[in-house]
Protein backbone atom coordinates (compact mmCIF):
# COMPACT_ATOMS: atom_id res chain seq x y z
CA MET A 1 -2.01 -4.31 18.13
CA ILE A 2 -2.40 -0.61 17.33
CA ASN A 3 0.75 1.48 17.73
CA ILE A 4 0.40 5.05 18.99
CA ALA A 5 2.99 7.77 19.59
CA ILE A 6 2.51 10.78 21.87
CA CYS A 7 4.92 13.64 21.28
CA ASP A 8 4.56 16.50 23.77
CA ASP A 9 6.89 18.36 26.10
CA ASP A 10 4.24 18.46 28.85
CA ASP A 11 4.19 15.35 31.07
CA ASP A 12 0.64 16.12 32.22
CA ILE A 13 -0.62 16.05 28.63
CA ILE A 14 1.23 12.82 27.90
CA ASN A 15 -0.24 11.20 31.01
CA SER A 16 -3.75 12.45 30.21
CA ILE A 17 -3.65 10.98 26.71
CA LYS A 18 -2.15 7.73 28.00
CA SER A 19 -4.88 7.45 30.63
CA ALA A 20 -7.62 8.01 28.05
CA ILE A 21 -6.08 5.39 25.74
CA SER A 22 -5.85 2.92 28.62
CA ASP A 23 -9.51 3.45 29.55
CA TYR A 24 -10.56 3.08 25.92
CA SER A 25 -8.48 -0.10 25.58
CA THR A 26 -10.23 -1.64 28.59
CA SER A 27 -13.76 -0.65 27.55
CA HIS A 28 -13.37 -1.70 23.90
CA ALA A 29 -11.07 -4.73 24.35
CA ILE A 30 -8.56 -3.28 21.89
CA GLU A 31 -4.81 -3.57 22.51
CA PHE A 32 -2.64 -0.49 22.08
CA GLU A 33 1.11 -0.03 22.32
CA VAL A 34 1.94 3.53 23.33
CA HIS A 35 5.30 5.30 23.00
CA SER A 36 5.89 8.79 24.38
CA PHE A 37 8.44 11.39 23.26
CA LYS A 38 9.28 14.74 24.86
CA CYS A 39 10.36 16.45 21.62
CA GLY A 40 10.09 16.15 17.85
CA GLU A 41 13.72 15.17 17.50
CA LYS A 42 13.20 12.03 19.61
CA LEU A 43 10.14 11.03 17.61
CA LEU A 44 12.08 11.34 14.36
CA GLU A 45 15.00 9.36 15.78
CA SER A 46 12.76 6.47 16.86
CA LYS A 47 12.44 4.98 13.33
CA LEU A 48 9.27 3.22 14.53
CA ASN A 49 6.06 2.82 12.53
CA PHE A 50 2.86 4.13 14.09
CA ASP A 51 -0.81 3.95 13.28
CA LEU A 52 -1.48 7.25 15.07
CA VAL A 53 0.65 10.13 16.36
CA PHE A 54 -0.59 12.69 18.90
CA LEU A 55 1.68 15.64 18.11
CA ASP A 56 1.99 18.87 20.10
CA ILE A 57 2.43 21.87 17.82
CA GLU A 58 4.24 24.14 20.28
CA MET A 59 7.34 22.37 21.58
CA SER A 60 10.88 23.36 22.38
CA GLY A 61 13.35 22.49 19.62
CA ILE A 62 11.62 21.87 16.30
CA ASP A 63 7.90 22.58 16.56
CA GLY A 64 5.12 20.13 15.74
CA LEU A 65 4.47 21.45 12.24
CA LYS A 66 8.11 21.00 11.19
CA THR A 67 8.22 17.64 12.96
CA ALA A 68 5.18 16.51 10.97
CA GLN A 69 6.76 17.56 7.67
CA LEU A 70 9.93 15.60 8.45
CA PHE A 71 7.97 12.65 9.85
CA ARG A 72 6.00 12.38 6.60
CA GLN A 73 9.28 11.66 4.80
CA ILE A 74 9.74 8.63 7.05
CA ASP A 75 6.17 7.41 7.42
CA ARG A 76 3.38 8.43 5.04
CA ARG A 77 0.77 6.16 6.55
CA ALA A 78 0.62 7.25 10.19
CA ARG A 79 -2.41 9.36 11.10
CA ILE A 80 -1.33 12.63 12.73
CA VAL A 81 -3.47 14.31 15.40
CA TYR A 82 -2.30 17.79 16.35
CA VAL A 83 -2.64 18.82 19.99
CA THR A 84 -2.37 22.53 20.78
CA ASN A 85 -3.58 25.42 22.93
CA HIS A 86 -4.39 27.55 19.91
CA SER A 87 -7.03 26.61 17.34
CA GLU A 88 -5.64 29.18 14.88
CA PHE A 89 -2.82 26.72 14.10
CA ALA A 90 -5.37 24.41 12.49
CA LEU A 91 -5.25 25.94 9.01
CA GLU A 92 -1.44 25.85 8.77
CA SER A 93 -1.36 22.28 10.08
CA TYR A 94 -3.43 20.98 7.18
CA SER A 95 -0.40 21.14 4.88
CA VAL A 96 0.39 17.58 6.00
CA HIS A 97 -3.24 16.41 6.02
CA PRO A 98 -3.82 15.65 9.72
CA PHE A 99 -6.29 13.01 10.86
CA ASP A 100 -7.72 15.25 13.58
CA PHE A 101 -7.08 18.34 15.72
CA VAL A 102 -7.38 18.42 19.53
CA VAL A 103 -7.42 21.75 21.39
CA LYS A 104 -6.13 21.91 24.98
CA PRO A 105 -7.54 21.60 27.56
CA PHE A 106 -9.47 18.51 26.52
CA VAL A 107 -11.55 15.86 28.24
CA SER A 108 -11.02 12.12 27.84
CA GLU A 109 -14.08 11.84 25.59
CA ARG A 110 -12.26 13.93 22.98
CA ILE A 111 -9.48 11.30 22.83
CA TYR A 112 -12.10 8.53 22.74
CA ASN A 113 -13.59 10.19 19.63
CA VAL A 114 -10.18 10.15 17.93
CA LEU A 115 -9.73 6.47 18.78
CA ASP A 116 -13.22 5.68 17.49
CA ASP A 117 -12.32 7.28 14.17
CA LEU A 118 -8.95 5.50 14.08
CA THR A 119 -10.34 2.01 14.73
CA ARG A 120 -13.07 2.60 12.15
CA TYR A 121 -10.50 3.78 9.62
CA LEU A 122 -8.20 0.80 10.24
CA SER A 123 -11.12 -1.62 9.98
CA GLU A 124 -12.32 -0.12 6.68
CA ASN A 125 -8.81 -0.27 5.24
CA ALA A 126 -7.89 -3.73 6.54
CA GLU A 127 -8.40 -5.25 3.11
CA LYS A 128 -5.50 -3.14 1.85
CA GLU A 129 -3.11 -5.11 4.06
CA ALA A 130 -2.70 -7.67 1.31
CA VAL A 131 -0.04 -10.37 1.39
CA ILE A 132 1.29 -11.91 -1.81
CA GLN A 133 3.07 -15.21 -2.33
CA LEU A 134 6.13 -15.04 -4.58
CA LYS A 135 8.39 -17.73 -6.00
CA GLY A 136 11.53 -17.30 -3.91
CA GLU A 137 14.76 -18.99 -4.95
CA ASP A 138 14.56 -21.17 -1.84
CA GLY A 139 10.79 -21.76 -1.92
CA PRO A 140 7.55 -19.78 -1.47
CA LEU A 141 7.97 -16.26 -0.09
CA LEU A 142 5.17 -14.32 1.64
CA LEU A 143 5.47 -10.51 1.74
CA SER A 144 3.11 -7.70 2.72
CA LEU A 145 2.42 -5.45 -0.27
CA ARG A 146 2.67 -2.27 1.80
CA ASN A 147 6.21 -3.25 2.86
CA ILE A 148 7.48 -3.69 -0.71
CA TYR A 149 9.30 -0.68 -2.14
CA VAL A 150 10.66 -1.82 -5.52
CA PHE A 151 10.71 -4.81 -7.88
CA GLU A 152 13.76 -4.87 -10.18
CA TYR A 153 14.02 -7.29 -13.09
CA THR A 154 17.66 -8.39 -13.43
CA GLY A 155 17.33 -10.79 -16.39
CA ASN A 156 16.94 -14.53 -16.88
CA ARG A 157 13.53 -14.47 -15.15
CA ARG A 158 15.06 -13.20 -11.91
CA ILE A 159 13.70 -10.29 -9.88
CA THR A 160 15.08 -8.51 -6.81
CA VAL A 161 12.43 -7.37 -4.33
CA TYR A 162 13.40 -4.43 -2.11
CA THR A 163 11.70 -3.72 1.21
CA GLN A 164 12.77 -1.02 3.66
CA SER A 165 15.89 -2.88 4.79
CA GLU A 166 15.88 -6.28 3.05
CA GLN A 167 16.35 -7.70 -0.45
CA TYR A 168 14.83 -10.94 -1.78
CA ARG A 169 15.50 -12.84 -5.01
CA ILE A 170 12.47 -14.32 -6.75
CA LYS A 171 11.66 -16.01 -10.05
CA GLY A 172 9.36 -14.65 -12.74
CA SER A 173 8.71 -11.62 -14.91
CA LEU A 174 7.38 -8.15 -14.12
CA SER A 175 4.16 -9.01 -15.97
CA ASP A 176 3.77 -11.93 -13.54
CA ILE A 177 4.19 -9.48 -10.67
CA PHE A 178 1.58 -7.05 -12.00
CA SER A 179 -0.93 -9.89 -12.33
CA LEU A 180 -0.38 -10.75 -8.65
CA ILE A 181 -0.31 -7.25 -7.17
CA ASN A 182 -3.76 -5.97 -8.17
CA SER A 183 -3.00 -2.64 -6.47
CA GLU A 184 -3.18 0.93 -7.75
CA SER A 185 -0.19 1.85 -5.56
CA PHE A 186 2.31 0.28 -7.96
CA VAL A 187 3.60 1.77 -11.20
CA SER A 188 6.26 0.81 -13.76
CA PRO A 189 8.38 3.88 -14.60
CA HIS A 190 10.87 1.74 -16.53
CA LYS A 191 10.71 -1.65 -18.27
CA SER A 192 12.90 -3.20 -15.56
CA PHE A 193 11.18 -1.73 -12.48
CA ILE A 194 7.90 -1.65 -10.57
CA VAL A 195 7.69 0.89 -7.73
CA ASN A 196 5.30 1.27 -4.79
CA MET A 197 4.22 4.92 -4.99
CA GLU A 198 3.58 5.00 -1.25
CA HIS A 199 7.36 4.98 -0.77
CA ILE A 200 8.42 7.54 -3.39
CA ASP A 201 10.32 10.43 -1.82
CA LYS A 202 11.24 12.65 -4.78
CA LEU A 203 11.79 12.81 -8.54
CA ASN A 204 14.91 14.40 -10.02
CA ASN A 205 14.94 14.61 -13.83
CA PHE A 206 14.73 10.96 -14.93
CA THR A 207 15.47 9.35 -11.56
CA LEU A 208 13.06 8.78 -8.68
CA TYR A 209 14.14 8.09 -5.13
CA THR A 210 12.32 6.00 -2.55
CA THR A 211 12.17 7.01 1.11
CA ASN A 212 14.91 4.49 1.95
CA GLY A 213 17.25 5.77 -0.77
CA ILE A 214 16.72 3.37 -3.68
CA GLU A 215 17.30 5.04 -7.06
CA VAL A 216 15.00 4.02 -9.90
CA PRO A 217 15.31 5.29 -13.50
CA VAL A 218 12.28 6.74 -15.25
CA ALA A 219 12.24 6.03 -19.00
CA GLN A 220 11.82 9.17 -21.08
CA LYS A 221 8.91 7.68 -23.01
CA LYS A 222 7.18 6.81 -19.72
CA LEU A 223 7.80 10.11 -17.92
CA LYS A 224 4.44 11.73 -18.75
CA GLU A 225 2.51 8.56 -17.94
CA PHE A 226 4.40 8.21 -14.66
CA HIS A 227 3.65 11.82 -13.65
CA ASN A 228 -0.05 11.26 -14.38
CA GLU A 229 -0.14 8.05 -12.36
CA PHE A 230 1.70 9.58 -9.42
CA SER A 231 -0.53 12.70 -9.42
CA ARG A 232 -3.61 10.48 -9.41
CA PHE A 233 -2.19 8.43 -6.54
CA ILE A 234 -1.39 11.53 -4.44
CA LYS A 235 -4.88 12.98 -4.98
CA ASN A 236 -6.47 9.69 -3.88
CA TYR A 237 -4.15 9.46 -0.88
CA ILE A 238 -5.03 12.97 0.28
CA ARG A 239 -8.74 12.29 -0.16
CA GLN A 240 -8.51 9.12 1.93
CA GLY A 241 -6.50 10.92 4.64
């Protein structure tokens, strides 16, 4: 299932994109779930995760560019496709690294091209959807790597695993975790923590904050190394986007 959002204050545009997605779904035997929003505020309030967002730039309320900036704080993975009447907005829109840019009026084939690129991208990156098995206190625990925000070592070979809204207690050491992860998205800014850089929101002095509000200390002796690792990660992320 591929999740798509359409955010536009024009019902005709929403219906046109929906129709093109429906036709593409039928012809390619791919299942899509489509959610539509009439303004940026409603999209931001949804708290849903999307693979692709068709986002109108010129909307009442907050415009598409501001919506995209705020949306990136919630979801860094969704591919954003700007939809607009004016191609001159393209340069400004690239501040949040869009997946594509569709100029109105458009024909269905233009949406098909976006969906072709999306399905190709998701297929090429499917191997990144790794699942790891951890030693939970009540037995084996399977978690998706992309959904893990923080590992915190609490002593006595016990670790708390934080996801967006859940916490799990597992057995082991952080070195055990690193041997299992095998992912360049994770970094250890402190001897008691491992953090998924995909979910870092900001860094303030010697504390970093994840997008769901978890505070993680950064050891002074690791600060430079952490900055280097995070800069490398961001450059790779932008290149892939």
